[in-house]
């Protein structure tokens, strides 16, 4: 799942023997309202979970439009996802779905903003 500021891109991956076997792309959703972002994220995840059934990995990977702190929480005050707490999301999802082992892990596609992560020249030239 990829939560942007305009839409939520969703998909379900299928693995066989640890290798990616298929990706089912689901219809995108409108991004959640900023005032109800946590509730919107939970609803979008729960809706996608219905497509999977019982064979669900307990760790749900969620990409958000925000840079992340090393603790795994969003740390960009400009992002509507900045207040998300993966532990709180997982707890609410477990309550809503009855699946006691669910965990939520946030990731980001935001570009790195720290100096020195990319070489400034190509050493092979």
N, C-alpha and C. Protein backbone atom coordinates (compact mmCIF):
# COMPACT_ATOMS: atom_id res chain seq x y z
N UNK A 1 0.84 -1.16 0.00
CA UNK A 1 0.00 0.00 0.00
C UNK A 1 0.89 1.23 0.00
N UNK A 2 0.49 2.20 -0.80
CA UNK A 2 1.26 3.44 -0.91
C UNK A 2 0.32 4.61 -0.67
N UNK A 3 0.47 5.24 0.49
CA UNK A 3 -0.39 6.35 0.88
C UNK A 3 0.25 7.66 0.48
N UNK A 4 -0.30 8.27 -0.58
CA UNK A 4 0.15 9.58 -1.02
C UNK A 4 -0.81 10.66 -0.53
N UNK A 5 -0.57 11.88 -0.96
CA UNK A 5 -1.43 12.98 -0.55
C UNK A 5 -2.66 13.12 -1.44
N UNK A 6 -2.68 12.45 -2.61
CA UNK A 6 -3.86 12.52 -3.48
C UNK A 6 -4.58 11.19 -3.61
N UNK A 7 -3.84 10.08 -3.50
CA UNK A 7 -4.48 8.78 -3.62
C UNK A 7 -3.72 7.72 -2.84
N UNK A 8 -4.38 6.58 -2.70
CA UNK A 8 -3.78 5.42 -2.04
C UNK A 8 -3.70 4.32 -3.09
N UNK A 9 -2.47 3.95 -3.46
CA UNK A 9 -2.27 2.86 -4.41
C UNK A 9 -2.19 1.57 -3.60
N UNK A 10 -2.92 0.56 -4.09
CA UNK A 10 -3.01 -0.68 -3.31
C UNK A 10 -2.70 -1.89 -4.17
N UNK A 11 -2.15 -2.90 -3.54
CA UNK A 11 -1.89 -4.15 -4.22
C UNK A 11 -1.68 -5.26 -3.22
N UNK A 12 -1.83 -6.47 -3.71
CA UNK A 12 -1.62 -7.67 -2.89
C UNK A 12 -0.55 -8.50 -3.59
N UNK A 13 0.48 -8.88 -2.85
CA UNK A 13 1.54 -9.70 -3.43
C UNK A 13 1.37 -11.15 -2.99
N UNK A 14 1.77 -12.05 -3.88
CA UNK A 14 1.71 -13.49 -3.60
C UNK A 14 3.13 -14.03 -3.73
N UNK A 15 3.55 -14.77 -2.71
CA UNK A 15 4.88 -15.37 -2.71
C UNK A 15 4.77 -16.88 -2.70
N UNK A 16 5.64 -17.54 -3.45
CA UNK A 16 5.77 -19.00 -3.43
C UNK A 16 7.22 -19.33 -3.10
N UNK A 17 7.41 -20.08 -2.03
CA UNK A 17 8.75 -20.45 -1.58
C UNK A 17 9.67 -19.24 -1.43
N UNK A 18 9.13 -18.14 -0.92
CA UNK A 18 9.92 -16.95 -0.66
C UNK A 18 10.16 -16.05 -1.86
N UNK A 19 9.68 -16.43 -3.04
CA UNK A 19 9.88 -15.62 -4.24
C UNK A 19 8.56 -14.99 -4.67
N UNK A 20 8.63 -13.76 -5.14
CA UNK A 20 7.44 -13.07 -5.62
C UNK A 20 6.86 -13.82 -6.80
N UNK A 21 5.59 -14.21 -6.71
CA UNK A 21 4.94 -14.97 -7.77
C UNK A 21 3.91 -14.14 -8.53
N UNK A 22 3.28 -13.19 -7.85
CA UNK A 22 2.24 -12.40 -8.52
C UNK A 22 1.96 -11.13 -7.72
N UNK A 23 1.47 -10.13 -8.42
CA UNK A 23 0.99 -8.89 -7.80
C UNK A 23 -0.40 -8.63 -8.34
N UNK A 24 -1.36 -8.51 -7.44
CA UNK A 24 -2.70 -8.14 -7.84
C UNK A 24 -2.89 -6.66 -7.49
N UNK A 25 -3.05 -5.84 -8.52
CA UNK A 25 -3.23 -4.41 -8.32
C UNK A 25 -4.71 -4.15 -8.04
N UNK A 26 -4.98 -3.49 -6.94
CA UNK A 26 -6.35 -3.14 -6.57
C UNK A 26 -6.64 -1.71 -6.99
N UNK A 27 -7.91 -1.38 -7.09
CA UNK A 27 -8.30 -0.02 -7.45
C UNK A 27 -7.74 0.97 -6.43
N UNK A 28 -7.21 2.09 -6.91
CA UNK A 28 -6.74 3.11 -5.96
C UNK A 28 -7.92 3.75 -5.24
N UNK A 29 -7.63 4.30 -4.10
CA UNK A 29 -8.61 5.02 -3.30
C UNK A 29 -8.19 6.48 -3.19
N UNK A 30 -9.13 7.35 -2.89
CA UNK A 30 -8.77 8.73 -2.57
C UNK A 30 -7.97 8.73 -1.28
N UNK A 31 -7.04 9.66 -1.17
CA UNK A 31 -6.28 9.79 0.08
C UNK A 31 -7.23 10.13 1.21
N UNK A 32 -6.89 9.71 2.42
CA UNK A 32 -7.77 10.04 3.55
C UNK A 32 -7.78 11.53 3.83
N UNK A 33 -8.85 11.98 4.46
CA UNK A 33 -8.92 13.38 4.88
C UNK A 33 -7.85 13.63 5.93
N UNK A 34 -7.13 14.73 5.84
CA UNK A 34 -6.06 15.00 6.82
C UNK A 34 -6.55 14.97 8.27
N UNK A 35 -7.79 15.38 8.51
CA UNK A 35 -8.31 15.40 9.87
C UNK A 35 -8.58 13.99 10.40
N UNK A 36 -8.66 13.01 9.51
CA UNK A 36 -8.99 11.63 9.91
C UNK A 36 -8.02 10.64 9.28
N UNK A 37 -6.78 11.02 9.18
CA UNK A 37 -5.81 10.21 8.45
C UNK A 37 -5.61 8.82 9.06
N UNK A 38 -5.51 8.72 10.38
CA UNK A 38 -5.33 7.41 11.00
C UNK A 38 -6.48 6.48 10.71
N UNK A 39 -7.68 6.99 10.86
CA UNK A 39 -8.88 6.20 10.57
C UNK A 39 -8.93 5.79 9.09
N UNK A 40 -8.53 6.71 8.20
CA UNK A 40 -8.52 6.41 6.77
C UNK A 40 -7.51 5.34 6.39
N UNK A 41 -6.35 5.39 7.03
CA UNK A 41 -5.31 4.38 6.77
C UNK A 41 -5.81 3.01 7.24
N UNK A 42 -6.40 2.96 8.41
CA UNK A 42 -6.91 1.68 8.93
C UNK A 42 -7.99 1.12 8.01
N UNK A 43 -8.91 1.96 7.57
CA UNK A 43 -9.98 1.49 6.68
C UNK A 43 -9.42 0.97 5.36
N UNK A 44 -8.45 1.67 4.79
CA UNK A 44 -7.86 1.23 3.52
C UNK A 44 -7.15 -0.11 3.67
N UNK A 45 -6.42 -0.29 4.77
CA UNK A 45 -5.73 -1.56 5.01
C UNK A 45 -6.76 -2.68 5.22
N UNK A 46 -7.76 -2.42 6.05
CA UNK A 46 -8.78 -3.45 6.32
C UNK A 46 -9.51 -3.86 5.05
N UNK A 47 -9.79 -2.90 4.17
CA UNK A 47 -10.44 -3.21 2.89
C UNK A 47 -9.55 -4.09 2.03
N UNK A 48 -8.26 -3.77 1.97
CA UNK A 48 -7.33 -4.59 1.18
C UNK A 48 -7.19 -5.99 1.77
N UNK A 49 -7.26 -6.10 3.10
CA UNK A 49 -7.14 -7.40 3.75
C UNK A 49 -8.26 -8.35 3.34
N UNK A 50 -9.41 -7.82 3.01
CA UNK A 50 -10.53 -8.68 2.58
C UNK A 50 -10.21 -9.42 1.28
N UNK A 51 -9.32 -8.86 0.47
CA UNK A 51 -8.93 -9.50 -0.79
C UNK A 51 -7.97 -10.66 -0.56
N UNK A 52 -7.35 -10.70 0.61
CA UNK A 52 -6.33 -11.71 0.89
C UNK A 52 -6.93 -12.94 1.55
N UNK A 53 -7.88 -12.76 2.43
CA UNK A 53 -8.43 -13.89 3.16
C UNK A 53 -7.57 -14.24 4.34
N UNK A 54 -7.51 -15.50 4.67
CA UNK A 54 -6.79 -15.95 5.87
C UNK A 54 -5.29 -16.06 5.67
N UNK A 55 -4.82 -16.19 4.44
CA UNK A 55 -3.39 -16.39 4.17
C UNK A 55 -2.69 -15.04 4.09
N UNK A 56 -2.53 -14.39 5.22
CA UNK A 56 -1.98 -13.04 5.29
C UNK A 56 -0.73 -13.03 6.15
N UNK A 57 0.34 -12.44 5.61
CA UNK A 57 1.54 -12.24 6.41
C UNK A 57 1.17 -11.28 7.54
N UNK A 58 1.62 -11.54 8.76
CA UNK A 58 1.21 -10.68 9.87
C UNK A 58 1.83 -9.27 9.85
N UNK A 59 2.86 -9.06 9.03
CA UNK A 59 3.46 -7.73 8.92
C UNK A 59 2.96 -7.06 7.67
N UNK A 60 2.27 -5.93 7.85
CA UNK A 60 1.72 -5.17 6.74
C UNK A 60 2.64 -4.00 6.47
N UNK A 61 3.16 -3.93 5.25
CA UNK A 61 4.09 -2.89 4.85
C UNK A 61 3.30 -1.74 4.23
N UNK A 62 3.48 -0.54 4.78
CA UNK A 62 2.73 0.63 4.35
C UNK A 62 3.70 1.74 4.01
N UNK A 63 3.66 2.20 2.77
CA UNK A 63 4.48 3.33 2.34
C UNK A 63 3.69 4.61 2.53
N UNK A 64 4.33 5.62 3.13
CA UNK A 64 3.67 6.89 3.36
C UNK A 64 4.46 8.03 2.73
N UNK A 65 3.74 9.08 2.33
CA UNK A 65 4.36 10.26 1.73
C UNK A 65 4.95 11.13 2.84
N UNK A 66 6.04 10.67 3.40
CA UNK A 66 6.73 11.38 4.47
C UNK A 66 8.10 10.75 4.64
N UNK A 67 9.07 11.56 5.04
CA UNK A 67 10.33 10.95 5.46
C UNK A 67 10.09 10.31 6.82
N UNK A 68 10.94 9.36 7.17
CA UNK A 68 10.77 8.62 8.42
C UNK A 68 11.95 8.84 9.34
N UNK A 69 11.65 8.91 10.62
CA UNK A 69 12.67 8.96 11.65
C UNK A 69 13.26 7.55 11.78
N UNK A 70 14.41 7.42 12.34
CA UNK A 70 15.03 6.09 12.49
C UNK A 70 14.20 5.15 13.35
N UNK A 71 13.25 5.68 14.11
CA UNK A 71 12.35 4.86 14.92
C UNK A 71 11.23 4.25 14.09
N UNK A 72 11.10 4.67 12.81
CA UNK A 72 10.05 4.14 11.96
C UNK A 72 8.80 4.99 11.92
N UNK A 73 8.82 6.11 12.60
CA UNK A 73 7.65 7.01 12.60
C UNK A 73 7.90 8.15 11.62
N UNK A 74 6.83 8.63 10.97
CA UNK A 74 6.98 9.78 10.06
C UNK A 74 7.52 10.99 10.82
N UNK A 75 8.40 11.76 10.16
CA UNK A 75 8.96 12.94 10.83
C UNK A 75 8.94 14.18 9.95
N UNK A 76 8.04 14.25 9.01
CA UNK A 76 7.92 15.42 8.13
C UNK A 76 6.64 16.16 8.50
N UNK A 77 6.77 17.30 9.17
CA UNK A 77 5.61 18.05 9.62
C UNK A 77 4.73 18.55 8.48
N UNK A 78 5.26 18.57 7.26
CA UNK A 78 4.46 19.00 6.10
C UNK A 78 3.54 17.90 5.60
N UNK A 79 3.76 16.68 6.03
CA UNK A 79 2.97 15.53 5.58
C UNK A 79 1.78 15.29 6.49
N UNK A 80 0.64 14.99 5.90
CA UNK A 80 -0.53 14.67 6.72
C UNK A 80 -0.34 13.35 7.46
N UNK A 81 0.65 12.56 7.08
CA UNK A 81 0.92 11.28 7.73
C UNK A 81 1.90 11.42 8.91
N UNK A 82 2.31 12.64 9.22
CA UNK A 82 3.35 12.85 10.24
C UNK A 82 2.96 12.35 11.62
N UNK A 83 1.68 12.27 11.94
CA UNK A 83 1.26 11.82 13.26
C UNK A 83 1.01 10.34 13.38
N UNK A 84 1.23 9.58 12.31
CA UNK A 84 0.94 8.14 12.37
C UNK A 84 1.91 7.41 13.29
N UNK A 85 1.37 6.50 14.02
CA UNK A 85 2.14 5.65 14.92
C UNK A 85 1.89 4.20 14.49
N UNK A 86 2.91 3.51 13.96
CA UNK A 86 2.68 2.14 13.48
C UNK A 86 2.17 1.18 14.57
N UNK A 87 2.58 1.39 15.82
CA UNK A 87 2.12 0.51 16.90
C UNK A 87 0.63 0.76 17.15
N UNK A 88 0.23 2.02 17.17
CA UNK A 88 -1.18 2.35 17.35
C UNK A 88 -2.04 1.85 16.20
N UNK A 89 -1.52 1.99 14.96
CA UNK A 89 -2.26 1.48 13.80
C UNK A 89 -2.46 -0.02 13.91
N UNK A 90 -1.41 -0.74 14.27
CA UNK A 90 -1.50 -2.20 14.39
C UNK A 90 -2.51 -2.59 15.47
N UNK A 91 -2.48 -1.89 16.58
CA UNK A 91 -3.41 -2.20 17.67
C UNK A 91 -4.86 -2.02 17.22
N UNK A 92 -5.14 -0.93 16.54
CA UNK A 92 -6.50 -0.68 16.05
C UNK A 92 -6.91 -1.68 14.99
N UNK A 93 -5.97 -2.07 14.12
CA UNK A 93 -6.26 -3.08 13.10
C UNK A 93 -6.56 -4.43 13.73
N UNK A 94 -5.79 -4.79 14.75
CA UNK A 94 -6.04 -6.07 15.45
C UNK A 94 -7.43 -6.07 16.08
N UNK A 95 -7.82 -4.95 16.67
CA UNK A 95 -9.16 -4.85 17.27
C UNK A 95 -10.24 -4.96 16.20
N UNK A 96 -10.05 -4.27 15.08
CA UNK A 96 -11.07 -4.24 14.04
C UNK A 96 -11.21 -5.56 13.30
N UNK A 97 -10.09 -6.25 13.09
CA UNK A 97 -10.11 -7.46 12.27
C UNK A 97 -10.13 -8.75 13.08
N UNK A 98 -9.78 -8.68 14.36
CA UNK A 98 -9.71 -9.89 15.18
C UNK A 98 -8.46 -10.71 14.93
N UNK A 99 -7.49 -10.18 14.20
CA UNK A 99 -6.23 -10.89 13.93
C UNK A 99 -5.18 -10.39 14.92
N UNK A 100 -4.87 -11.21 15.88
CA UNK A 100 -4.05 -10.78 17.02
C UNK A 100 -2.57 -10.61 16.71
N UNK A 101 -2.08 -11.11 15.59
CA UNK A 101 -0.64 -11.05 15.32
C UNK A 101 -0.24 -9.95 14.34
N UNK A 102 -1.16 -9.10 13.93
CA UNK A 102 -0.84 -8.07 12.93
C UNK A 102 0.15 -7.04 13.46
N UNK A 103 1.05 -6.64 12.57
CA UNK A 103 1.99 -5.54 12.83
C UNK A 103 1.99 -4.65 11.60
N UNK A 104 2.24 -3.37 11.80
CA UNK A 104 2.34 -2.42 10.70
C UNK A 104 3.75 -1.87 10.67
N UNK A 105 4.36 -1.92 9.51
CA UNK A 105 5.70 -1.35 9.33
C UNK A 105 5.61 -0.26 8.28
N UNK A 106 6.01 0.95 8.63
CA UNK A 106 5.97 2.06 7.70
C UNK A 106 7.28 2.12 6.93
N UNK A 107 7.18 2.50 5.67
CA UNK A 107 8.35 2.76 4.84
C UNK A 107 8.03 4.01 4.03
N UNK A 108 8.98 4.47 3.26
CA UNK A 108 8.77 5.69 2.49
C UNK A 108 9.43 5.59 1.13
N UNK A 109 8.89 6.34 0.20
CA UNK A 109 9.52 6.50 -1.10
C UNK A 109 10.07 7.91 -1.22
N UNK A 110 10.04 8.67 -0.11
CA UNK A 110 10.57 10.04 -0.11
C UNK A 110 12.06 9.99 -0.38
N UNK A 111 12.58 10.96 -1.12
CA UNK A 111 14.03 10.97 -1.38
C UNK A 111 14.81 11.24 -0.11
N UNK A 112 16.01 10.67 -0.01
CA UNK A 112 16.82 10.95 1.18
C UNK A 112 17.20 12.43 1.20
N UNK A 113 17.14 13.02 2.37
CA UNK A 113 17.43 14.44 2.50
C UNK A 113 18.73 14.69 3.23
N UNK A 114 19.50 13.66 3.52
CA UNK A 114 20.73 13.83 4.27
C UNK A 114 21.92 13.88 3.30
N UNK A 115 22.88 14.69 3.63
CA UNK A 115 24.07 14.85 2.79
C UNK A 115 24.92 13.59 2.88
N UNK A 116 25.49 13.18 1.75
CA UNK A 116 26.44 12.09 1.75
C UNK A 116 25.86 10.72 1.47
N UNK A 117 24.57 10.60 1.18
CA UNK A 117 24.01 9.30 0.90
C UNK A 117 24.30 8.83 -0.52
N UNK A 118 24.54 9.77 -1.41
CA UNK A 118 24.86 9.43 -2.80
C UNK A 118 26.22 10.02 -3.14
N UNK A 119 27.03 9.31 -3.93
CA UNK A 119 28.32 9.87 -4.33
C UNK A 119 28.10 11.10 -5.20
N UNK A 120 28.99 12.07 -5.06
CA UNK A 120 28.88 13.29 -5.86
C UNK A 120 29.60 13.16 -7.20
N UNK A 121 30.34 12.07 -7.37
CA UNK A 121 31.00 11.82 -8.65
C UNK A 121 31.01 10.32 -8.90
N UNK A 122 31.26 9.95 -10.13
CA UNK A 122 31.33 8.53 -10.49
C UNK A 122 32.79 8.10 -10.46
N UNK A 123 33.20 7.29 -9.49
CA UNK A 123 34.62 6.91 -9.37
C UNK A 123 35.10 6.05 -10.53
N UNK A 124 34.22 5.50 -11.35
CA UNK A 124 34.64 4.65 -12.46
C UNK A 124 34.99 5.45 -13.71
N UNK A 125 34.78 6.72 -13.71
CA UNK A 125 35.10 7.54 -14.89
C UNK A 125 36.55 7.84 -14.97
